[in-house]
Amino acid sequence: MHDPHENPIKEAWVLCVILGLIMINFPFIHIFNNSRPVFGIPGLVLYFFIGWPVSIVVIWLFVHQMGKKTSFQEDDADDDGDER
């Protein structure tokens, strides 16, 4: 039987959530909140406009991968010899 605690995708998901929370807190915000614009755009605005889509893509990748794992596990459960 498969142990649900052995799923590395879910463990990585928790790690990414924690990393995301750290990335939007004081030390990182302070690093990018400087007076030097990059290509005329303030660093903090650029940080959020790049970081937000990247975090959405990472979340989508995890959800997509977890969906594959779930459908694979359901297919395995159907093939356990249950003839209907």
PDB file of N, CA and C in Angstrom:
ATOM      1  N   MET A   1       0.838  -1.180   0.000  1.00  0.00           N
ATOM      2  CA  MET A   1       0.000   0.000   0.000  1.00  0.00           C
ATOM      3  C   MET A   1       0.882   1.241   0.000  1.00  0.00           C
ATOM      4  N   HIS A   2       0.430   2.265  -0.658  1.00  0.00           N
ATOM      5  CA  HIS A   2       1.207   3.502  -0.806  1.00  0.00           C
ATOM      6  C   HIS A   2       1.012   4.405   0.408  1.00  0.00           C
ATOM      7  N   ASP A   3       2.114   4.852   0.983  1.00  0.00           N
ATOM      8  CA  ASP A   3       2.080   5.751   2.126  1.00  0.00           C
ATOM      9  C   ASP A   3       1.930   7.191   1.627  1.00  0.00           C
ATOM     10  N   PRO A   4       0.873   7.918   2.029  1.00  0.00           N
ATOM     11  CA  PRO A   4       0.670   9.286   1.529  1.00  0.00           C
ATOM     12  C   PRO A   4       1.742  10.261   2.010  1.00  0.00           C
ATOM     13  N   HIS A   5       2.493   9.894   3.046  1.00  0.00           N
ATOM     14  CA  HIS A   5       3.534  10.793   3.548  1.00  0.00           C
ATOM     15  C   HIS A   5       4.802  10.723   2.710  1.00  0.00           C
ATOM     16  N   GLU A   6       4.851   9.833   1.749  1.00  0.00           N
ATOM     17  CA  GLU A   6       6.047   9.681   0.931  1.00  0.00           C
ATOM     18  C   GLU A   6       5.959  10.440  -0.380  1.00  0.00           C
ATOM     19  N   ASN A   7       5.015  11.340  -0.529  1.00  0.00           N
ATOM     20  CA  ASN A   7       4.827  12.070  -1.773  1.00  0.00           C
ATOM     21  C   ASN A   7       5.756  13.291  -1.805  1.00  0.00           C
ATOM     22  N   PRO A   8       6.810  13.245  -2.607  1.00  0.00           N
ATOM     23  CA  PRO A   8       7.758  14.371  -2.647  1.00  0.00           C
ATOM     24  C   PRO A   8       7.160  15.634  -3.257  1.00  0.00           C
ATOM     25  N   ILE A   9       6.139  15.500  -4.085  1.00  0.00           N
ATOM     26  CA  ILE A   9       5.498  16.671  -4.690  1.00  0.00           C
ATOM     27  C   ILE A   9       4.830  17.508  -3.601  1.00  0.00           C
ATOM     28  N   LYS A  10       4.138  16.856  -2.681  1.00  0.00           N
ATOM     29  CA  LYS A  10       3.467  17.597  -1.602  1.00  0.00           C
ATOM     30  C   LYS A  10       4.484  18.231  -0.662  1.00  0.00           C
ATOM     31  N   GLU A  11       5.588  17.547  -0.414  1.00  0.00           N
ATOM     32  CA  GLU A  11       6.629  18.129   0.426  1.00  0.00           C
ATOM     33  C   GLU A  11       7.250  19.347  -0.251  1.00  0.00           C
ATOM     34  N   ALA A  12       7.477  19.257  -1.546  1.00  0.00           N
ATOM     35  CA  ALA A  12       8.029  20.391  -2.293  1.00  0.00           C
ATOM     36  C   ALA A  12       7.023  21.536  -2.338  1.00  0.00           C
ATOM     37  N   TRP A  13       5.735  21.211  -2.384  1.00  0.00           N
ATOM     38  CA  TRP A  13       4.685  22.226  -2.385  1.00  0.00           C
ATOM     39  C   TRP A  13       4.742  23.047  -1.097  1.00  0.00           C
ATOM     40  N   VAL A  14       4.881  22.372   0.033  1.00  0.00           N
ATOM     41  CA  VAL A  14       4.974  23.061   1.317  1.00  0.00           C
ATOM     42  C   VAL A  14       6.220  23.935   1.355  1.00  0.00           C
ATOM     43  N   LEU A  15       7.318  23.430   0.849  1.00  0.00           N
ATOM     44  CA  LEU A  15       8.553  24.200   0.804  1.00  0.00           C
ATOM     45  C   LEU A  15       8.389  25.453  -0.060  1.00  0.00           C
ATOM     46  N   CYS A  16       7.716  25.339  -1.187  1.00  0.00           N
ATOM     47  CA  CYS A  16       7.509  26.501  -2.061  1.00  0.00           C
ATOM     48  C   CYS A  16       6.580  27.534  -1.420  1.00  0.00           C
ATOM     49  N   VAL A  17       5.577  27.073  -0.684  1.00  0.00           N
ATOM     50  CA  VAL A  17       4.695  28.021   0.005  1.00  0.00           C
ATOM     51  C   VAL A  17       5.483  28.804   1.050  1.00  0.00           C
ATOM     52  N   ILE A  18       6.305  28.105   1.813  1.00  0.00           N
ATOM     53  CA  ILE A  18       7.126  28.781   2.823  1.00  0.00           C
ATOM     54  C   ILE A  18       8.098  29.756   2.157  1.00  0.00           C
ATOM     55  N   LEU A  19       8.718  29.322   1.066  1.00  0.00           N
ATOM     56  CA  LEU A  19       9.641  30.199   0.337  1.00  0.00           C
ATOM     57  C   LEU A  19       8.915  31.420  -0.212  1.00  0.00           C
ATOM     58  N   GLY A  20       7.705  31.226  -0.716  1.00  0.00           N
ATOM     59  CA  GLY A  20       6.909  32.345  -1.216  1.00  0.00           C
ATOM     60  C   GLY A  20       6.585  33.354  -0.127  1.00  0.00           C
ATOM     61  N   LEU A  21       6.257  32.856   1.054  1.00  0.00           N
ATOM     62  CA  LEU A  21       5.979  33.762   2.166  1.00  0.00           C
ATOM     63  C   LEU A  21       7.222  34.530   2.582  1.00  0.00           C
ATOM     64  N   ILE A  22       8.353  33.878   2.556  1.00  0.00           N
ATOM     65  CA  ILE A  22       9.610  34.556   2.891  1.00  0.00           C
ATOM     66  C   ILE A  22       9.934  35.622   1.844  1.00  0.00           C
ATOM     67  N   MET A  23       9.676  35.308   0.578  1.00  0.00           N
ATOM     68  CA  MET A  23      10.030  36.231  -0.507  1.00  0.00           C
ATOM     69  C   MET A  23       9.216  37.521  -0.483  1.00  0.00           C
ATOM     70  N   ILE A  24       8.034  37.519   0.168  1.00  0.00           N
ATOM     71  CA  ILE A  24       7.240  38.751   0.204  1.00  0.00           C
ATOM     72  C   ILE A  24       7.319  39.451   1.560  1.00  0.00           C
ATOM     73  N   ASN A  25       8.305  39.096   2.372  1.00  0.00           N
ATOM     74  CA  ASN A  25       8.485  39.737   3.667  1.00  0.00           C
ATOM     75  C   ASN A  25       9.680  40.678   3.663  1.00  0.00           C
ATOM     76  N   PHE A  26       9.928  41.268   4.812  1.00  0.00           N
ATOM     77  CA  PHE A  26      10.841  42.406   4.936  1.00  0.00           C
ATOM     78  C   PHE A  26      12.206  42.273   4.265  1.00  0.00           C
ATOM     79  N   PRO A  27      12.998  41.253   4.508  1.00  0.00           N
ATOM     80  CA  PRO A  27      14.359  41.329   3.954  1.00  0.00           C
ATOM     81  C   PRO A  27      14.396  41.467   2.431  1.00  0.00           C
ATOM     82  N   PHE A  28      13.556  40.705   1.744  1.00  0.00           N
ATOM     83  CA  PHE A  28      13.577  40.775   0.285  1.00  0.00           C
ATOM     84  C   PHE A  28      12.932  42.050  -0.234  1.00  0.00           C
ATOM     85  N   ILE A  29      11.865  42.493   0.405  1.00  0.00           N
ATOM     86  CA  ILE A  29      11.232  43.749  -0.003  1.00  0.00           C
ATOM     87  C   ILE A  29      12.217  44.904   0.176  1.00  0.00           C
ATOM     88  N   HIS A  30      12.956  44.895   1.248  1.00  0.00           N
ATOM     89  CA  HIS A  30      13.921  45.960   1.516  1.00  0.00           C
ATOM     90  C   HIS A  30      15.066  45.939   0.493  1.00  0.00           C
ATOM     91  N   ILE A  31      15.480  44.762   0.072  1.00  0.00           N
ATOM     92  CA  ILE A  31      16.560  44.662  -0.921  1.00  0.00           C
ATOM     93  C   ILE A  31      16.150  45.320  -2.233  1.00  0.00           C
ATOM     94  N   PHE A  32      14.904  45.081  -2.660  1.00  0.00           N
ATOM     95  CA  PHE A  32      14.464  45.604  -3.951  1.00  0.00           C
ATOM     96  C   PHE A  32      13.834  46.984  -3.875  1.00  0.00           C
ATOM     97  N   ASN A  33      13.644  47.509  -2.681  1.00  0.00           N
ATOM     98  CA  ASN A  33      13.074  48.836  -2.517  1.00  0.00           C
ATOM     99  C   ASN A  33      14.196  49.868  -2.464  1.00  0.00           C
ATOM    100  N   ASN A  34      14.847  50.049  -3.591  1.00  0.00           N
ATOM    101  CA  ASN A  34      15.931  51.032  -3.656  1.00  0.00           C
ATOM    102  C   ASN A  34      15.564  52.146  -4.630  1.00  0.00           C
ATOM    103  N   SER A  35      16.365  53.155  -4.685  1.00  0.00           N
ATOM    104  CA  SER A  35      16.047  54.320  -5.520  1.00  0.00           C
ATOM    105  C   SER A  35      16.579  54.185  -6.945  1.00  0.00           C
ATOM    106  N   ARG A  36      17.296  53.104  -7.245  1.00  0.00           N
ATOM    107  CA  ARG A  36      17.845  52.928  -8.595  1.00  0.00           C
ATOM    108  C   ARG A  36      16.860  52.157  -9.470  1.00  0.00           C
ATOM    109  N   PRO A  37      16.286  52.819 -10.464  1.00  0.00           N
ATOM    110  CA  PRO A  37      15.371  52.106 -11.354  1.00  0.00           C
ATOM    111  C   PRO A  37      16.138  51.217 -12.350  1.00  0.00           C
ATOM    112  N   VAL A  38      15.486  50.150 -12.762  1.00  0.00           N
ATOM    113  CA  VAL A  38      16.037  49.256 -13.775  1.00  0.00           C
ATOM    114  C   VAL A  38      15.184  49.447 -15.026  1.00  0.00           C
ATOM    115  N   PHE A  39      15.798  49.951 -16.096  1.00  0.00           N
ATOM    116  CA  PHE A  39      15.090  50.285 -17.333  1.00  0.00           C
ATOM    117  C   PHE A  39      13.957  51.272 -17.062  1.00  0.00           C
ATOM    118  N   GLY A  40      14.150  52.159 -16.101  1.00  0.00           N
ATOM    119  CA  GLY A  40      13.156  53.173 -15.771  1.00  0.00           C
ATOM    120  C   GLY A  40      12.043  52.681 -14.859  1.00  0.00           C
ATOM    121  N   ILE A  41      12.118  51.438 -14.422  1.00  0.00           N
ATOM    122  CA  ILE A  41      11.087  50.869 -13.557  1.00  0.00           C
ATOM    123  C   ILE A  41      11.700  50.668 -12.165  1.00  0.00           C
ATOM    124  N   PRO A  42      11.014  51.124 -11.119  1.00  0.00           N
ATOM    125  CA  PRO A  42      11.550  50.915  -9.763  1.00  0.00           C
ATOM    126  C   PRO A  42      11.750  49.427  -9.464  1.00  0.00           C
ATOM    127  N   GLY A  43      12.798  49.128  -8.730  1.00  0.00           N
ATOM    128  CA  GLY A  43      13.156  47.742  -8.456  1.00  0.00           C
ATOM    129  C   GLY A  43      12.060  46.950  -7.771  1.00  0.00           C
ATOM    130  N   LEU A  44      11.337  47.581  -6.831  1.00  0.00           N
ATOM    131  CA  LEU A  44      10.275  46.891  -6.112  1.00  0.00           C
ATOM    132  C   LEU A  44       9.124  46.513  -7.055  1.00  0.00           C
ATOM    133  N   VAL A  45       8.759  47.418  -7.934  1.00  0.00           N
ATOM    134  CA  VAL A  45       7.697  47.131  -8.902  1.00  0.00           C
ATOM    135  C   VAL A  45       8.129  46.008  -9.835  1.00  0.00           C
ATOM    136  N   LEU A  46       9.353  46.064 -10.296  1.00  0.00           N
ATOM    137  CA  LEU A  46       9.878  45.016 -11.167  1.00  0.00           C
ATOM    138  C   LEU A  46       9.920  43.675 -10.443  1.00  0.00           C
ATOM    139  N   TYR A  47      10.307  43.695  -9.177  1.00  0.00           N
ATOM    140  CA  TYR A  47      10.350  42.477  -8.370  1.00  0.00           C
ATOM    141  C   TYR A  47       8.976  41.822  -8.297  1.00  0.00           C
ATOM    142  N   PHE A  48       7.939  42.628  -8.052  1.00  0.00           N
ATOM    143  CA  PHE A  48       6.591  42.064  -7.962  1.00  0.00           C
ATOM    144  C   PHE A  48       6.048  41.655  -9.330  1.00  0.00           C
ATOM    145  N   PHE A  49       6.328  42.440 -10.371  1.00  0.00           N
ATOM    146  CA  PHE A  49       5.817  42.111 -11.692  1.00  0.00           C
ATOM    147  C   PHE A  49       6.501  40.893 -12.303  1.00  0.00           C
ATOM    148  N   ILE A  50       7.694  40.563 -11.852  1.00  0.00           N
ATOM    149  CA  ILE A  50       8.354  39.334 -12.302  1.00  0.00           C
ATOM    150  C   ILE A  50       8.045  38.190 -11.339  1.00  0.00           C
ATOM    151  N   GLY A  51       8.075  38.474 -10.051  1.00  0.00           N
ATOM    152  CA  GLY A  51       7.859  37.436  -9.044  1.00  0.00           C
ATOM    153  C   GLY A  51       6.456  36.865  -9.042  1.00  0.00           C
ATOM    154  N   TRP A  52       5.440  37.700  -9.275  1.00  0.00           N
ATOM    155  CA  TRP A  52       4.069  37.228  -9.256  1.00  0.00           C
ATOM    156  C   TRP A  52       3.807  36.217 -10.373  1.00  0.00           C
ATOM    157  N   PRO A  53       4.126  36.517 -11.640  1.00  0.00           N
ATOM    158  CA  PRO A  53       3.910  35.507 -12.692  1.00  0.00           C
ATOM    159  C   PRO A  53       4.749  34.243 -12.488  1.00  0.00           C
ATOM    160  N   VAL A  54       5.966  34.400 -11.991  1.00  0.00           N
ATOM    161  CA  VAL A  54       6.805  33.224 -11.744  1.00  0.00           C
ATOM    162  C   VAL A  54       6.155  32.339 -10.678  1.00  0.00           C
ATOM    163  N   SER A  55       5.623  32.947  -9.626  1.00  0.00           N
ATOM    164  CA  SER A  55       4.967  32.148  -8.588  1.00  0.00           C
ATOM    165  C   SER A  55       3.707  31.469  -9.124  1.00  0.00           C
ATOM    166  N   ILE A  56       2.970  32.129 -10.004  1.00  0.00           N
ATOM    167  CA  ILE A  56       1.789  31.516 -10.616  1.00  0.00           C
ATOM    168  C   ILE A  56       2.186  30.321 -11.471  1.00  0.00           C
ATOM    169  N   VAL A  57       3.257  30.444 -12.241  1.00  0.00           N
ATOM    170  CA  VAL A  57       3.736  29.333 -13.060  1.00  0.00           C
ATOM    171  C   VAL A  57       4.186  28.166 -12.190  1.00  0.00           C
ATOM    172  N   VAL A  58       4.882  28.453 -11.103  1.00  0.00           N
ATOM    173  CA  VAL A  58       5.329  27.387 -10.197  1.00  0.00           C
ATOM    174  C   VAL A  58       4.124  26.673  -9.588  1.00  0.00           C
ATOM    175  N   ILE A  59       3.127  27.431  -9.156  1.00  0.00           N
ATOM    176  CA  ILE A  59       1.911  26.824  -8.602  1.00  0.00           C
ATOM    177  C   ILE A  59       1.225  25.970  -9.649  1.00  0.00           C
ATOM    178  N   TRP A  60       1.121  26.457 -10.881  1.00  0.00           N
ATOM    179  CA  TRP A  60       0.495  25.685 -11.951  1.00  0.00           C
ATOM    180  C   TRP A  60       1.258  24.383 -12.203  1.00  0.00           C
ATOM    181  N   LEU A  61       2.578  24.443 -12.208  1.00  0.00           N
ATOM    182  CA  LEU A  61       3.375  23.235 -12.425  1.00  0.00           C
ATOM    183  C   LEU A  61       3.130  22.206 -11.324  1.00  0.00           C
ATOM    184  N   PHE A  62       3.079  22.649 -10.085  1.00  0.00           N
ATOM    185  CA  PHE A  62       2.830  21.730  -8.982  1.00  0.00           C
ATOM    186  C   PHE A  62       1.435  21.118  -9.080  1.00  0.00           C
ATOM    187  N   VAL A  63       0.431  21.940  -9.348  1.00  0.00           N
ATOM    188  CA  VAL A  63      -0.941  21.429  -9.450  1.00  0.00           C
ATOM    189  C   VAL A  63      -1.042  20.456 -10.617  1.00  0.00           C
ATOM    190  N   HIS A  64      -0.410  20.785 -11.724  1.00  0.00           N
ATOM    191  CA  HIS A  64      -0.420  19.905 -12.898  1.00  0.00           C
ATOM    192  C   HIS A  64       0.257  18.573 -12.574  1.00  0.00           C
ATOM    193  N   GLN A  65       1.383  18.614 -11.894  1.00  0.00           N
ATOM    194  CA  GLN A  65       2.106  17.395 -11.526  1.00  0.00           C
ATOM    195  C   GLN A  65       1.320  16.576 -10.510  1.00  0.00           C
ATOM    196  N   MET A  66       0.677  17.252  -9.549  1.00  0.00           N
ATOM    197  CA  MET A  66      -0.127  16.528  -8.564  1.00  0.00           C
ATOM    198  C   MET A  66      -1.329  15.875  -9.223  1.00  0.00           C
ATOM    199  N   GLY A  67      -1.890  16.515 -10.244  1.00  0.00           N
ATOM    200  CA  GLY A  67      -3.008  15.931 -10.989  1.00  0.00           C
ATOM    201  C   GLY A  67      -2.582  14.671 -11.712  1.00  0.00           C
ATOM    202  N   LYS A  68      -1.377  14.677 -12.278  1.00  0.00           N
ATOM    203  CA  LYS A  68      -0.856  13.477 -12.934  1.00  0.00           C
ATOM    204  C   LYS A  68      -0.686  12.350 -11.931  1.00  0.00           C
ATOM    205  N   LYS A  69      -0.132  12.664 -10.752  1.00  0.00           N
ATOM    206  CA  LYS A  69       0.077  11.647  -9.723  1.00  0.00           C
ATOM    207  C   LYS A  69      -1.262  11.067  -9.270  1.00  0.00           C
ATOM    208  N   THR A  70      -2.272  11.938  -9.091  1.00  0.00           N
ATOM    209  CA  THR A  70      -3.577  11.483  -8.617  1.00  0.00           C
ATOM    210  C   THR A  70      -4.244  10.588  -9.652  1.00  0.00           C
ATOM    211  N   SER A  71      -4.214  10.980 -10.927  1.00  0.00           N
ATOM    212  CA  SER A  71      -4.844  10.157 -11.957  1.00  0.00           C
ATOM    213  C   SER A  71      -4.093   8.838 -12.114  1.00  0.00           C
ATOM    214  N   PHE A  72      -2.781   8.850 -11.942  1.00  0.00           N
ATOM    215  CA  PHE A  72      -1.998   7.623 -12.018  1.00  0.00           C
ATOM    216  C   PHE A  72      -2.368   6.691 -10.870  1.00  0.00           C
ATOM    217  N   GLN A  73      -2.530   7.242  -9.672  1.00  0.00           N
ATOM    218  CA  GLN A  73      -2.889   6.431  -8.515  1.00  0.00           C
ATOM    219  C   GLN A  73      -4.303   5.884  -8.665  1.00  0.00           C
ATOM    220  N   GLU A  74      -5.230   6.650  -9.251  1.00  0.00           N
ATOM    221  CA  GLU A  74      -6.586   6.165  -9.472  1.00  0.00           C
ATOM    222  C   GLU A  74      -6.591   5.031 -10.487  1.00  0.00           C
ATOM    223  N   ASP A  75      -5.748   5.145 -11.529  1.00  0.00           N
ATOM    224  CA  ASP A  75      -5.648   4.077 -12.517  1.00  0.00           C
ATOM    225  C   ASP A  75      -5.115   2.809 -11.868  1.00  0.00           C
ATOM    226  N   ASP A  76      -4.143   2.940 -10.975  1.00  0.00           N
ATOM    227  CA  ASP A  76      -3.603   1.784 -10.259  1.00  0.00           C
ATOM    228  C   ASP A  76      -4.666   1.154  -9.369  1.00  0.00           C
ATOM    229  N   ALA A  77      -5.488   1.975  -8.724  1.00  0.00           N
ATOM    230  CA  ALA A  77      -6.530   1.456  -7.843  1.00  0.00           C
ATOM    231  C   ALA A  77      -7.581   0.702  -8.651  1.00  0.00           C
ATOM    232  N   ASP A  78      -7.858   1.157  -9.883  1.00  0.00           N
ATOM    233  CA  ASP A  78      -8.821   0.478 -10.743  1.00  0.00           C
ATOM    234  C   ASP A  78      -8.288  -0.855 -11.231  1.00  0.00           C
ATOM    235  N   ASP A  79      -6.996  -1.021 -11.319  1.00  0.00           N
ATOM    236  CA  ASP A  79      -6.378  -2.228 -11.837  1.00  0.00           C
ATOM    237  C   ASP A  79      -6.038  -3.243 -10.755  1.00  0.00           C
ATOM    238  N   ASP A  80      -6.611  -3.108  -9.569  1.00  0.00           N
ATOM    239  CA  ASP A  80      -6.305  -4.011  -8.458  1.00  0.00           C
ATOM    240  C   ASP A  80      -7.018  -5.347  -8.549  1.00  0.00           C
ATOM    241  N   GLY A  81      -7.678  -5.605  -9.655  1.00  0.00           N
ATOM    242  CA  GLY A  81      -8.360  -6.895  -9.816  1.00  0.00           C
ATOM    243  C   GLY A  81      -9.830  -6.809  -9.486  1.00  0.00           C
ATOM    244  N   ASP A  82     -10.346  -5.621  -9.286  1.00  0.00           N
ATOM    245  CA  ASP A  82     -11.782  -5.457  -9.057  1.00  0.00           C
ATOM    246  C   ASP A  82     -12.509  -5.592 -10.394  1.00  0.00           C
ATOM    247  N   GLU A  83     -13.118  -6.703 -10.631  1.00  0.00           N
ATOM    248  CA  GLU A  83     -13.887  -6.900 -11.854  1.00  0.00           C
ATOM    249  C   GLU A  83     -15.338  -6.549 -11.541  1.00  0.00           C
ATOM    250  N   ARG A  84     -15.900  -5.664 -12.298  1.00  0.00           N
ATOM    251  CA  ARG A  84     -17.305  -5.279 -12.070  1.00  0.00           C
ATOM    252  C   ARG A  84     -18.157  -5.737 -13.192  1.00  0.00           C
TER     253      ARG A  84
END
